[in-house]
Amino acid sequence: GKPLVYLDNAATSQKPDVVIEAVKRYYERENANVHRGVHYL
């Protein structure tokens, strides 16, 4: 019920929108294995 005060950054830091979007974008638009395929994705 109270605004989060996150002071555990040495354990793990929080993630900005651009990072969340990059992971989402990979799975939505580019999901494929690397180095092995000749197809577009």
PDB file of all heavy atoms in Angstrom:
ATOM      1  N   GLY A   1       0.779  -1.229   0.000  1.00  0.00           N
ATOM      2  CA  GLY A   1       0.000   0.000   0.000  1.00  0.00           C
ATOM      3  C   GLY A   1       0.808   1.273   0.000  1.00  0.00           C
ATOM      4  O   GLY A   1       0.231   2.371   0.097  1.00  0.00           O
ATOM      5  N   LYS A   2       2.122   1.179  -0.137  1.00  0.00           N
ATOM      6  CA  LYS A   2       2.982   2.359  -0.090  1.00  0.00           C
ATOM      7  C   LYS A   2       3.876   2.402  -1.320  1.00  0.00           C
ATOM      8  O   LYS A   2       4.252   1.367  -1.862  1.00  0.00           O
ATOM      9  CB  LYS A   2       3.819   2.344   1.183  1.00  0.00           C
ATOM     10  CG  LYS A   2       2.937   2.352   2.445  1.00  0.00           C
ATOM     11  CD  LYS A   2       3.745   2.276   3.708  1.00  0.00           C
ATOM     12  CE  LYS A   2       2.786   2.279   4.914  1.00  0.00           C
ATOM     13  NZ  LYS A   2       3.478   2.156   6.194  1.00  0.00           N
ATOM     14  N   PRO A   3       4.233   3.605  -1.770  1.00  0.00           N
ATOM     15  CA  PRO A   3       5.108   3.712  -2.946  1.00  0.00           C
ATOM     16  C   PRO A   3       6.414   2.946  -2.734  1.00  0.00           C
ATOM     17  O   PRO A   3       7.040   3.048  -1.683  1.00  0.00           O
ATOM     18  CB  PRO A   3       5.356   5.216  -3.069  1.00  0.00           C
ATOM     19  CG  PRO A   3       4.192   5.850  -2.389  1.00  0.00           C
ATOM     20  CD  PRO A   3       3.826   4.942  -1.255  1.00  0.00           C
ATOM     21  N   LEU A   4       6.780   2.183  -3.737  1.00  0.00           N
ATOM     22  CA  LEU A   4       7.993   1.373  -3.653  1.00  0.00           C
ATOM     23  C   LEU A   4       9.235   2.240  -3.518  1.00  0.00           C
ATOM     24  O   LEU A   4       9.431   3.200  -4.265  1.00  0.00           O
ATOM     25  CB  LEU A   4       8.128   0.500  -4.903  1.00  0.00           C
ATOM     26  CG  LEU A   4       9.451  -0.256  -5.090  1.00  0.00           C
ATOM     27  CD1 LEU A   4       9.632  -1.305  -3.992  1.00  0.00           C
ATOM     28  CD2 LEU A   4       9.513  -0.906  -6.474  1.00  0.00           C
ATOM     29  N   VAL A   5      10.075   1.880  -2.551  1.00  0.00           N
ATOM     30  CA  VAL A   5      11.437   2.423  -2.456  1.00  0.00           C
ATOM     31  C   VAL A   5      12.368   1.237  -2.673  1.00  0.00           C
ATOM     32  O   VAL A   5      12.500   0.372  -1.813  1.00  0.00           O
ATOM     33  CB  VAL A   5      11.700   3.079  -1.089  1.00  0.00           C
ATOM     34  CG1 VAL A   5      13.175   3.475  -0.982  1.00  0.00           C
ATOM     35  CG2 VAL A   5      10.807   4.288  -0.888  1.00  0.00           C
ATOM     36  N   TYR A   6      12.998   1.187  -3.830  1.00  0.00           N
ATOM     37  CA  TYR A   6      13.820   0.023  -4.190  1.00  0.00           C
ATOM     38  C   TYR A   6      15.285   0.328  -3.921  1.00  0.00           C
ATOM     39  O   TYR A   6      15.920   1.112  -4.636  1.00  0.00           O
ATOM     40  CB  TYR A   6      13.611  -0.356  -5.654  1.00  0.00           C
ATOM     41  CG  TYR A   6      14.319  -1.642  -6.008  1.00  0.00           C
ATOM     42  CD1 TYR A   6      13.773  -2.877  -5.648  1.00  0.00           C
ATOM     43  CD2 TYR A   6      15.546  -1.632  -6.667  1.00  0.00           C
ATOM     44  CE1 TYR A   6      14.427  -4.064  -5.941  1.00  0.00           C
ATOM     45  CE2 TYR A   6      16.204  -2.807  -6.957  1.00  0.00           C
ATOM     46  CZ  TYR A   6      15.639  -4.022  -6.590  1.00  0.00           C
ATOM     47  OH  TYR A   6      16.295  -5.197  -6.869  1.00  0.00           O
ATOM     48  N   LEU A   7      15.813  -0.300  -2.870  1.00  0.00           N
ATOM     49  CA  LEU A   7      17.205  -0.081  -2.459  1.00  0.00           C
ATOM     50  C   LEU A   7      17.959  -1.405  -2.403  1.00  0.00           C
ATOM     51  O   LEU A   7      18.791  -1.620  -1.521  1.00  0.00           O
ATOM     52  CB  LEU A   7      17.244   0.611  -1.088  1.00  0.00           C
ATOM     53  CG  LEU A   7      16.558   1.976  -1.008  1.00  0.00           C
ATOM     54  CD1 LEU A   7      16.567   2.499   0.428  1.00  0.00           C
ATOM     55  CD2 LEU A   7      17.220   2.978  -1.947  1.00  0.00           C
ATOM     56  N   ASP A   8      17.690  -2.272  -3.363  1.00  0.00           N
ATOM     57  CA  ASP A   8      18.367  -3.569  -3.437  1.00  0.00           C
ATOM     58  C   ASP A   8      19.067  -3.720  -4.785  1.00  0.00           C
ATOM     59  O   ASP A   8      19.076  -4.790  -5.396  1.00  0.00           O
ATOM     60  CB  ASP A   8      17.358  -4.699  -3.226  1.00  0.00           C
ATOM     61  CG  ASP A   8      18.025  -6.045  -2.944  1.00  0.00           C
ATOM     62  OD1 ASP A   8      19.214  -6.046  -2.544  1.00  0.00           O
ATOM     63  OD2 ASP A   8      17.379  -7.085  -3.131  1.00  0.00           O
ATOM     64  N   ASN A   9      19.666  -2.638  -5.240  1.00  0.00           N
ATOM     65  CA  ASN A   9      20.242  -2.604  -6.586  1.00  0.00           C
ATOM     66  C   ASN A   9      21.509  -3.426  -6.731  1.00  0.00           C
ATOM     67  O   ASN A   9      21.850  -3.845  -7.837  1.00  0.00           O
ATOM     68  CB  ASN A   9      20.500  -1.155  -6.976  1.00  0.00           C
ATOM     69  CG  ASN A   9      19.208  -0.372  -7.074  1.00  0.00           C
ATOM     70  OD1 ASN A   9      18.453  -0.524  -8.018  1.00  0.00           O
ATOM     71  ND2 ASN A   9      18.933   0.465  -6.072  1.00  0.00           N
ATOM     72  N   ALA A  10      22.227  -3.671  -5.622  1.00  0.00           N
ATOM     73  CA  ALA A  10      23.411  -4.514  -5.715  1.00  0.00           C
ATOM     74  C   ALA A  10      23.034  -5.963  -5.989  1.00  0.00           C
ATOM     75  O   ALA A  10      23.846  -6.735  -6.514  1.00  0.00           O
ATOM     76  CB  ALA A  10      24.235  -4.420  -4.432  1.00  0.00           C
ATOM     77  N   ALA A  11      21.805  -6.345  -5.640  1.00  0.00           N
ATOM     78  CA  ALA A  11      21.332  -7.699  -5.947  1.00  0.00           C
ATOM     79  C   ALA A  11      20.862  -7.778  -7.397  1.00  0.00           C
ATOM     80  O   ALA A  11      21.244  -8.678  -8.148  1.00  0.00           O
ATOM     81  CB  ALA A  11      20.195  -8.098  -5.004  1.00  0.00           C
ATOM     82  N   THR A  12      20.020  -6.832  -7.792  1.00  0.00           N
ATOM     83  CA  THR A  12      19.632  -6.695  -9.192  1.00  0.00           C
ATOM     84  C   THR A  12      19.012  -5.321  -9.363  1.00  0.00           C
ATOM     85  O   THR A  12      18.366  -4.803  -8.447  1.00  0.00           O
ATOM     86  CB  THR A  12      18.649  -7.799  -9.642  1.00  0.00           C
ATOM     87  OG1 THR A  12      18.592  -7.843 -11.079  1.00  0.00           O
ATOM     88  CG2 THR A  12      17.243  -7.582  -9.096  1.00  0.00           C
ATOM     89  N   SER A  13      19.223  -4.731 -10.516  1.00  0.00           N
ATOM     90  CA  SER A  13      18.673  -3.409 -10.791  1.00  0.00           C
ATOM     91  C   SER A  13      17.351  -3.539 -11.532  1.00  0.00           C
ATOM     92  O   SER A  13      17.022  -4.594 -12.095  1.00  0.00           O
ATOM     93  CB  SER A  13      19.659  -2.600 -11.636  1.00  0.00           C
ATOM     94  OG  SER A  13      19.945  -3.289 -12.838  1.00  0.00           O
ATOM     95  N   GLN A  14      16.582  -2.478 -11.535  1.00  0.00           N
ATOM     96  CA  GLN A  14      15.329  -2.470 -12.272  1.00  0.00           C
ATOM     97  C   GLN A  14      15.580  -2.171 -13.758  1.00  0.00           C
ATOM     98  O   GLN A  14      16.681  -1.775 -14.147  1.00  0.00           O
ATOM     99  CB  GLN A  14      14.363  -1.467 -11.648  1.00  0.00           C
ATOM    100  CG  GLN A  14      13.980  -1.811 -10.222  1.00  0.00           C
ATOM    101  CD  GLN A  14      13.319  -3.178 -10.095  1.00  0.00           C
ATOM    102  OE1 GLN A  14      12.832  -3.755 -11.068  1.00  0.00           O
ATOM    103  NE2 GLN A  14      13.328  -3.725  -8.885  1.00  0.00           N
ATOM    104  N   LYS A  15      14.539  -2.371 -14.571  1.00  0.00           N
ATOM    105  CA  LYS A  15      14.709  -2.320 -16.020  1.00  0.00           C
ATOM    106  C   LYS A  15      13.908  -1.179 -16.631  1.00  0.00           C
ATOM    107  O   LYS A  15      12.714  -1.026 -16.346  1.00  0.00           O
ATOM    108  CB  LYS A  15      14.258  -3.639 -16.675  1.00  0.00           C
ATOM    109  CG  LYS A  15      14.610  -4.899 -15.875  1.00  0.00           C
ATOM    110  CD  LYS A  15      16.089  -5.023 -15.536  1.00  0.00           C
ATOM    111  CE  LYS A  15      16.345  -6.234 -14.623  1.00  0.00           C
ATOM    112  NZ  LYS A  15      17.682  -6.216 -14.032  1.00  0.00           N
ATOM    113  N   PRO A  16      14.527  -0.379 -17.496  1.00  0.00           N
ATOM    114  CA  PRO A  16      13.787   0.687 -18.169  1.00  0.00           C
ATOM    115  C   PRO A  16      12.909   0.141 -19.293  1.00  0.00           C
ATOM    116  O   PRO A  16      13.081  -0.996 -19.752  1.00  0.00           O
ATOM    117  CB  PRO A  16      14.896   1.578 -18.723  1.00  0.00           C
ATOM    118  CG  PRO A  16      16.037   0.642 -18.960  1.00  0.00           C
ATOM    119  CD  PRO A  16      15.947  -0.396 -17.869  1.00  0.00           C
ATOM    120  N   ASP A  17      11.977   0.971 -19.732  1.00  0.00           N
ATOM    121  CA  ASP A  17      11.061   0.571 -20.810  1.00  0.00           C
ATOM    122  C   ASP A  17      11.805   0.063 -22.037  1.00  0.00           C
ATOM    123  O   ASP A  17      11.385  -0.916 -22.666  1.00  0.00           O
ATOM    124  CB  ASP A  17      10.198   1.769 -21.232  1.00  0.00           C
ATOM    125  CG  ASP A  17       9.141   2.123 -20.205  1.00  0.00           C
ATOM    126  OD1 ASP A  17       8.494   1.202 -19.682  1.00  0.00           O
ATOM    127  OD2 ASP A  17       8.956   3.321 -19.937  1.00  0.00           O
ATOM    128  N   VAL A  18      12.919   0.709 -22.386  1.00  0.00           N
ATOM    129  CA  VAL A  18      13.603   0.334 -23.620  1.00  0.00           C
ATOM    130  C   VAL A  18      14.153  -1.089 -23.563  1.00  0.00           C
ATOM    131  O   VAL A  18      14.220  -1.778 -24.582  1.00  0.00           O
ATOM    132  CB  VAL A  18      14.733   1.332 -23.959  1.00  0.00           C
ATOM    133  CG1 VAL A  18      14.156   2.665 -24.407  1.00  0.00           C
ATOM    134  CG2 VAL A  18      15.683   1.512 -22.792  1.00  0.00           C
ATOM    135  N   VAL A  19      14.542  -1.540 -22.391  1.00  0.00           N
ATOM    136  CA  VAL A  19      15.026  -2.920 -22.241  1.00  0.00           C
ATOM    137  C   VAL A  19      13.866  -3.896 -22.343  1.00  0.00           C
ATOM    138  O   VAL A  19      13.948  -4.918 -23.037  1.00  0.00           O
ATOM    139  CB  VAL A  19      15.775  -3.083 -20.907  1.00  0.00           C
ATOM    140  CG1 VAL A  19      16.057  -4.548 -20.604  1.00  0.00           C
ATOM    141  CG2 VAL A  19      17.076  -2.290 -20.933  1.00  0.00           C
ATOM    142  N   ILE A  20      12.782  -3.595 -21.654  1.00  0.00           N
ATOM    143  CA  ILE A  20      11.604  -4.457 -21.711  1.00  0.00           C
ATOM    144  C   ILE A  20      11.094  -4.562 -23.145  1.00  0.00           C
ATOM    145  O   ILE A  20      10.750  -5.654 -23.621  1.00  0.00           O
ATOM    146  CB  ILE A  20      10.519  -3.912 -20.768  1.00  0.00           C
ATOM    147  CG1 ILE A  20      11.021  -3.934 -19.315  1.00  0.00           C
ATOM    148  CG2 ILE A  20       9.225  -4.705 -20.890  1.00  0.00           C
ATOM    149  CD1 ILE A  20      10.162  -3.146 -18.342  1.00  0.00           C
ATOM    150  N   GLU A  21      11.068  -3.435 -23.830  1.00  0.00           N
ATOM    151  CA  GLU A  21      10.594  -3.429 -25.218  1.00  0.00           C
ATOM    152  C   GLU A  21      11.538  -4.209 -26.142  1.00  0.00           C
ATOM    153  O   GLU A  21      11.095  -4.859 -27.088  1.00  0.00           O
ATOM    154  CB  GLU A  21      10.444  -1.994 -25.713  1.00  0.00           C
ATOM    155  CG  GLU A  21       9.264  -1.251 -25.122  1.00  0.00           C
ATOM    156  CD  GLU A  21       7.944  -1.886 -25.507  1.00  0.00           C
ATOM    157  OE1 GLU A  21       7.800  -2.328 -26.657  1.00  0.00           O
ATOM    158  OE2 GLU A  21       7.046  -1.947 -24.639  1.00  0.00           O
ATOM    159  N   ALA A  22      12.836  -4.158 -25.889  1.00  0.00           N
ATOM    160  CA  ALA A  22      13.790  -4.876 -26.745  1.00  0.00           C
ATOM    161  C   ALA A  22      13.585  -6.384 -26.649  1.00  0.00           C
ATOM    162  O   ALA A  22      13.636  -7.091 -27.661  1.00  0.00           O
ATOM    163  CB  ALA A  22      15.221  -4.509 -26.351  1.00  0.00           C
ATOM    164  N   VAL A  23      13.367  -6.881 -25.437  1.00  0.00           N
ATOM    165  CA  VAL A  23      13.111  -8.314 -25.264  1.00  0.00           C
ATOM    166  C   VAL A  23      11.793  -8.688 -25.928  1.00  0.00           C
ATOM    167  O   VAL A  23      11.700  -9.705 -26.645  1.00  0.00           O
ATOM    168  CB  VAL A  23      13.093  -8.671 -23.764  1.00  0.00           C
ATOM    169  CG1 VAL A  23      12.696 -10.131 -23.562  1.00  0.00           C
ATOM    170  CG2 VAL A  23      14.459  -8.405 -23.134  1.00  0.00           C
ATOM    171  N   LYS A  24      10.765  -7.874 -25.704  1.00  0.00           N
ATOM    172  CA  LYS A  24       9.451  -8.134 -26.302  1.00  0.00           C
ATOM    173  C   LYS A  24       9.527  -8.112 -27.832  1.00  0.00           C
ATOM    174  O   LYS A  24       8.954  -8.965 -28.527  1.00  0.00           O
ATOM    175  CB  LYS A  24       8.465  -7.076 -25.795  1.00  0.00           C
ATOM    176  CG  LYS A  24       7.029  -7.236 -26.258  1.00  0.00           C
ATOM    177  CD  LYS A  24       6.150  -6.242 -25.503  1.00  0.00           C
ATOM    178  CE  LYS A  24       4.695  -6.342 -25.927  1.00  0.00           C
ATOM    179  NZ  LYS A  24       4.455  -5.674 -27.217  1.00  0.00           N
ATOM    180  N   ARG A  25      10.257  -7.130 -28.356  1.00  0.00           N
ATOM    181  CA  ARG A  25      10.371  -6.999 -29.809  1.00  0.00           C
ATOM    182  C   ARG A  25      11.061  -8.215 -30.423  1.00  0.00           C
ATOM    183  O   ARG A  25      10.659  -8.690 -31.501  1.00  0.00           O
ATOM    184  CB  ARG A  25      11.135  -5.721 -30.156  1.00  0.00           C
ATOM    185  CG  ARG A  25      11.247  -5.455 -31.658  1.00  0.00           C
ATOM    186  CD  ARG A  25      11.787  -4.061 -31.932  1.00  0.00           C
ATOM    187  NE  ARG A  25      13.095  -3.853 -31.326  1.00  0.00           N
ATOM    188  CZ  ARG A  25      13.305  -3.055 -30.278  1.00  0.00           C
ATOM    189  NH1 ARG A  25      12.299  -2.405 -29.706  1.00  0.00           N
ATOM    190  NH2 ARG A  25      14.531  -2.900 -29.787  1.00  0.00           N
ATOM    191  N   TYR A  26      12.098  -8.725 -29.767  1.00  0.00           N
ATOM    192  CA  TYR A  26      12.771  -9.913 -30.300  1.00  0.00           C
ATOM    193  C   TYR A  26      11.790 -11.070 -30.427  1.00  0.00           C
ATOM    194  O   TYR A  26      11.717 -11.727 -31.466  1.00  0.00           O
ATOM    195  CB  TYR A  26      13.952 -10.324 -29.416  1.00  0.00           C
ATOM    196  CG  TYR A  26      14.431 -11.724 -29.726  1.00  0.00           C
ATOM    197  CD1 TYR A  26      15.181 -11.977 -30.875  1.00  0.00           C
ATOM    198  CD2 TYR A  26      14.076 -12.802 -28.924  1.00  0.00           C
ATOM    199  CE1 TYR A  26      15.583 -13.265 -31.197  1.00  0.00           C
ATOM    200  CE2 TYR A  26      14.471 -14.087 -29.241  1.00  0.00           C
ATOM    201  CZ  TYR A  26      15.223 -14.321 -30.378  1.00  0.00           C
ATOM    202  OH  TYR A  26      15.603 -15.599 -30.693  1.00  0.00           O
ATOM    203  N   TYR A  27      11.020 -11.330 -29.382  1.00  0.00           N
ATOM    204  CA  TYR A  27      10.094 -12.466 -29.416  1.00  0.00           C
ATOM    205  C   TYR A  27       8.934 -12.234 -30.384  1.00  0.00           C
ATOM    206  O   TYR A  27       8.439 -13.178 -30.996  1.00  0.00           O
ATOM    207  CB  TYR A  27       9.565 -12.759 -28.013  1.00  0.00           C
ATOM    208  CG  TYR A  27      10.539 -13.540 -27.165  1.00  0.00           C
ATOM    209  CD1 TYR A  27      10.938 -13.067 -25.929  1.00  0.00           C
ATOM    210  CD2 TYR A  27      11.065 -14.753 -27.611  1.00  0.00           C
ATOM    211  CE1 TYR A  27      11.839 -13.780 -25.148  1.00  0.00           C
ATOM    212  CE2 TYR A  27      11.965 -15.473 -26.851  1.00  0.00           C
ATOM    213  CZ  TYR A  27      12.340 -14.980 -25.615  1.00  0.00           C
ATOM    214  OH  TYR A  27      13.244 -15.698 -24.851  1.00  0.00           O
ATOM    215  N   GLU A  28       8.509 -10.986 -30.545  1.00  0.00           N
ATOM    216  CA  GLU A  28       7.382 -10.695 -31.428  1.00  0.00           C
ATOM    217  C   GLU A  28       7.778 -10.647 -32.898  1.00  0.00           C
ATOM    218  O   GLU A  28       6.981 -11.029 -33.769  1.00  0.00           O
ATOM    219  CB  GLU A  28       6.754  -9.361 -31.052  1.00  0.00           C
ATOM    220  CG  GLU A  28       5.887  -9.399 -29.813  1.00  0.00           C
ATOM    221  CD  GLU A  28       5.171  -8.084 -29.574  1.00  0.00           C
ATOM    222  OE1 GLU A  28       5.606  -7.043 -30.135  1.00  0.00           O
ATOM    223  OE2 GLU A  28       4.187  -8.087 -28.812  1.00  0.00           O
ATOM    224  N   ARG A  29       9.014 -10.207 -33.204  1.00  0.00           N
ATOM    225  CA  ARG A  29       9.347  -9.897 -34.591  1.00  0.00           C
ATOM    226  C   ARG A  29      10.582 -10.608 -35.139  1.00  0.00           C
ATOM    227  O   ARG A  29      10.745 -10.677 -36.361  1.00  0.00           O
ATOM    228  CB  ARG A  29       9.538  -8.381 -34.754  1.00  0.00           C
ATOM    229  CG  ARG A  29       8.317  -7.552 -34.375  1.00  0.00           C
ATOM    230  CD  ARG A  29       8.517  -6.082 -34.681  1.00  0.00           C
ATOM    231  NE  ARG A  29       8.830  -5.859 -36.079  1.00  0.00           N
ATOM    232  CZ  ARG A  29       7.929  -5.795 -37.060  1.00  0.00           C
ATOM    233  NH1 ARG A  29       6.658  -5.953 -36.769  1.00  0.00           N
ATOM    234  NH2 ARG A  29       8.296  -5.580 -38.302  1.00  0.00           N
ATOM    235  N   GLU A  30      11.454 -11.142 -34.280  1.00  0.00           N
ATOM    236  CA  GLU A  30      12.721 -11.667 -34.794  1.00  0.00           C
ATOM    237  C   GLU A  30      13.094 -13.020 -34.205  1.00  0.00           C
ATOM    238  O   GLU A  30      14.237 -13.453 -34.349  1.00  0.00           O
ATOM    239  CB  GLU A  30      13.844 -10.661 -34.491  1.00  0.00           C
ATOM    240  CG  GLU A  30      13.650  -9.317 -35.173  1.00  0.00           C
ATOM    241  CD  GLU A  30      14.699  -8.294 -34.778  1.00  0.00           C
ATOM    242  OE1 GLU A  30      15.523  -8.602 -33.896  1.00  0.00           O
ATOM    243  OE2 GLU A  30      14.682  -7.190 -35.354  1.00  0.00           O
ATOM    244  N   ASN A  31      12.182 -13.692 -33.549  1.00  0.00           N
ATOM    245  CA  ASN A  31      12.521 -14.923 -32.838  1.00  0.00           C
ATOM    246  C   ASN A  31      13.014 -16.015 -33.789  1.00  0.00           C
ATOM    247  O   ASN A  31      12.264 -16.518 -34.624  1.00  0.00           O
ATOM    248  CB  ASN A  31      11.298 -15.428 -32.066  1.00  0.00           C
ATOM    249  CG  ASN A  31      11.625 -16.685 -31.281  1.00  0.00           C
ATOM    250  OD1 ASN A  31      12.669 -16.753 -30.634  1.00  0.00           O
ATOM    251  ND2 ASN A  31      10.757 -17.673 -31.350  1.00  0.00           N
ATOM    252  N   ALA A  32      14.282 -16.355 -33.670  1.00  0.00           N
ATOM    253  CA  ALA A  32      14.892 -17.445 -34.439  1.00  0.00           C
ATOM    254  C   ALA A  32      16.248 -17.723 -33.803  1.00  0.00           C
ATOM    255  O   ALA A  32      16.776 -16.898 -33.051  1.00  0.00           O
ATOM    256  CB  ALA A  32      15.074 -17.060 -35.906  1.00  0.00           C
ATOM    257  N   ASN A  33      16.804 -18.895 -34.108  1.00  0.00           N
ATOM    258  CA  ASN A  33      18.130 -19.204 -33.599  1.00  0.00           C
ATOM    259  C   ASN A  33      19.198 -18.449 -34.397  1.00  0.00           C
ATOM    260  O   ASN A  33      18.957 -18.049 -35.544  1.00  0.00           O
ATOM    261  CB  ASN A  33      18.394 -20.711 -33.646  1.00  0.00           C
ATOM    262  CG  ASN A  33      19.244 -21.174 -32.484  1.00  0.00           C
ATOM    263  OD1 ASN A  33      20.095 -20.432 -32.000  1.00  0.00           O
ATOM    264  ND2 ASN A  33      19.030 -22.395 -32.023  1.00  0.00           N
ATOM    265  N   VAL A  34      20.347 -18.269 -33.774  1.00  0.00           N
ATOM    266  CA  VAL A  34      21.410 -17.484 -34.399  1.00  0.00           C
ATOM    267  C   VAL A  34      22.474 -18.399 -34.990  1.00  0.00           C
ATOM    268  O   VAL A  34      22.635 -19.549 -34.576  1.00  0.00           O
ATOM    269  CB  VAL A  34      22.058 -16.516 -33.379  1.00  0.00           C
ATOM    270  CG1 VAL A  34      21.049 -15.476 -32.932  1.00  0.00           C
ATOM    271  CG2 VAL A  34      22.617 -17.265 -32.183  1.00  0.00           C
ATOM    272  N   HIS A  35      23.184 -17.867 -35.999  1.00  0.00           N
ATOM    273  CA  HIS A  35      24.385 -18.473 -36.577  1.00  0.00           C
ATOM    274  C   HIS A  35      24.109 -19.717 -37.421  1.00  0.00           C
ATOM    275  O   HIS A  35      25.002 -20.169 -38.123  1.00  0.00           O
ATOM    276  CB  HIS A  35      25.409 -18.858 -35.482  1.00  0.00           C
ATOM    277  CG  HIS A  35      25.879 -17.701 -34.672  1.00  0.00           C
ATOM    278  ND1 HIS A  35      26.200 -17.807 -33.341  1.00  0.00           N
ATOM    279  CD2 HIS A  35      26.086 -16.390 -34.999  1.00  0.00           C
ATOM    280  CE1 HIS A  35      26.572 -16.640 -32.859  1.00  0.00           C
ATOM    281  NE2 HIS A  35      26.517 -15.759 -33.860  1.00  0.00           N
ATOM    282  N   ARG A  36      22.913 -20.270 -37.379  1.00  0.00           N
ATOM    283  CA  ARG A  36      22.692 -21.564 -38.029  1.00  0.00           C
ATOM    284  C   ARG A  36      21.766 -21.496 -39.242  1.00  0.00           C
ATOM    285  O   ARG A  36      21.737 -22.411 -40.045  1.00  0.00           O
ATOM    286  CB  ARG A  36      22.112 -22.566 -37.017  1.00  0.00           C
ATOM    287  CG  ARG A  36      23.008 -22.845 -35.830  1.00  0.00           C
ATOM    288  CD  ARG A  36      22.310 -23.817 -34.878  1.00  0.00           C
ATOM    289  NE  ARG A  36      23.162 -24.185 -33.757  1.00  0.00           N
ATOM    290  CZ  ARG A  36      23.208 -23.530 -32.603  1.00  0.00           C
ATOM    291  NH1 ARG A  36      22.456 -22.466 -32.432  1.00  0.00           N
ATOM    292  NH2 ARG A  36      24.001 -23.924 -31.622  1.00  0.00           N
ATOM    293  N   GLY A  37      20.984 -20.451 -39.338  1.00  0.00           N
ATOM    294  CA  GLY A  37      19.968 -20.412 -40.382  1.00  0.00           C
ATOM    295  C   GLY A  37      20.325 -19.466 -41.513  1.00  0.00           C
ATOM    296  O   GLY A  37      21.083 -18.518 -41.339  1.00  0.00           O
ATOM    297  N   VAL A  38      19.748 -19.744 -42.686  1.00  0.00           N
ATOM    298  CA  VAL A  38      19.928 -18.852 -43.830  1.00  0.00           C
ATOM    299  C   VAL A  38      18.644 -18.098 -44.137  1.00  0.00           C
ATOM    300  O   VAL A  38      18.599 -17.304 -45.073  1.00  0.00           O
ATOM    301  CB  VAL A  38      20.387 -19.631 -45.089  1.00  0.00           C
ATOM    302  CG1 VAL A  38      21.761 -20.233 -44.859  1.00  0.00           C
ATOM    303  CG2 VAL A  38      19.385 -20.722 -45.466  1.00  0.00           C
ATOM    304  N   HIS A  39      17.587 -18.339 -43.351  1.00  0.00           N
ATOM    305  CA  HIS A  39      16.337 -17.635 -43.593  1.00  0.00           C
ATOM    306  C   HIS A  39      16.361 -16.255 -42.937  1.00  0.00           C
ATOM    307  O   HIS A  39      17.222 -15.952 -42.108  1.00  0.00           O
ATOM    308  CB  HIS A  39      15.142 -18.458 -43.099  1.00  0.00           C
ATOM    309  CG  HIS A  39      15.185 -18.818 -41.646  1.00  0.00           C
ATOM    310  ND1 HIS A  39      14.779 -17.957 -40.654  1.00  0.00           N
ATOM    311  CD2 HIS A  39      15.590 -19.955 -41.010  1.00  0.00           C
ATOM    312  CE1 HIS A  39      14.912 -18.541 -39.481  1.00  0.00           C
ATOM    313  NE2 HIS A  39      15.420 -19.752 -39.669  1.00  0.00           N
ATOM    314  N   TYR A  40      15.378 -15.444 -43.296  1.00  0.00           N
ATOM    315  CA  TYR A  40      15.361 -14.031 -42.915  1.00  0.00           C
ATOM    316  C   TYR A  40      15.415 -13.827 -41.405  1.00  0.00           C
ATOM    317  O   TYR A  40      16.216 -13.020 -40.906  1.00  0.00           O
ATOM    318  CB  TYR A  40      14.105 -13.368 -43.488  1.00  0.00           C
ATOM    319  CG  TYR A  40      13.924 -11.938 -43.061  1.00  0.00           C
ATOM    320  CD1 TYR A  40      14.605 -10.902 -43.683  1.00  0.00           C
ATOM    321  CD2 TYR A  40      13.054 -11.607 -42.010  1.00  0.00           C
ATOM    322  CE1 TYR A  40      14.446  -9.584 -43.297  1.00  0.00           C
ATOM    323  CE2 TYR A  40      12.889 -10.290 -41.606  1.00  0.00           C
ATOM    324  CZ  TYR A  40      13.582  -9.278 -42.248  1.00  0.00           C
ATOM    325  OH  TYR A  40      13.421  -7.981 -41.846  1.00  0.00           O
ATOM    326  N   LEU A  41      14.569 -14.534 -40.649  1.00  0.00           N
ATOM    327  CA  LEU A  41      14.516 -14.308 -39.215  1.00  0.00           C
ATOM    328  C   LEU A  41      15.837 -14.677 -38.533  1.00  0.00           C
ATOM    329  O   LEU A  41      16.299 -13.983 -37.630  1.00  0.00           O
ATOM    330  CB  LEU A  41      13.365 -15.103 -38.587  1.00  0.00           C
ATOM    331  CG  LEU A  41      11.949 -14.597 -38.882  1.00  0.00           C
ATOM    332  CD1 LEU A  41      10.919 -15.478 -38.175  1.00  0.00           C
ATOM    333  CD2 LEU A  41      11.780 -13.149 -38.464  1.00  0.00           C
TER     334      LEU A  41
END
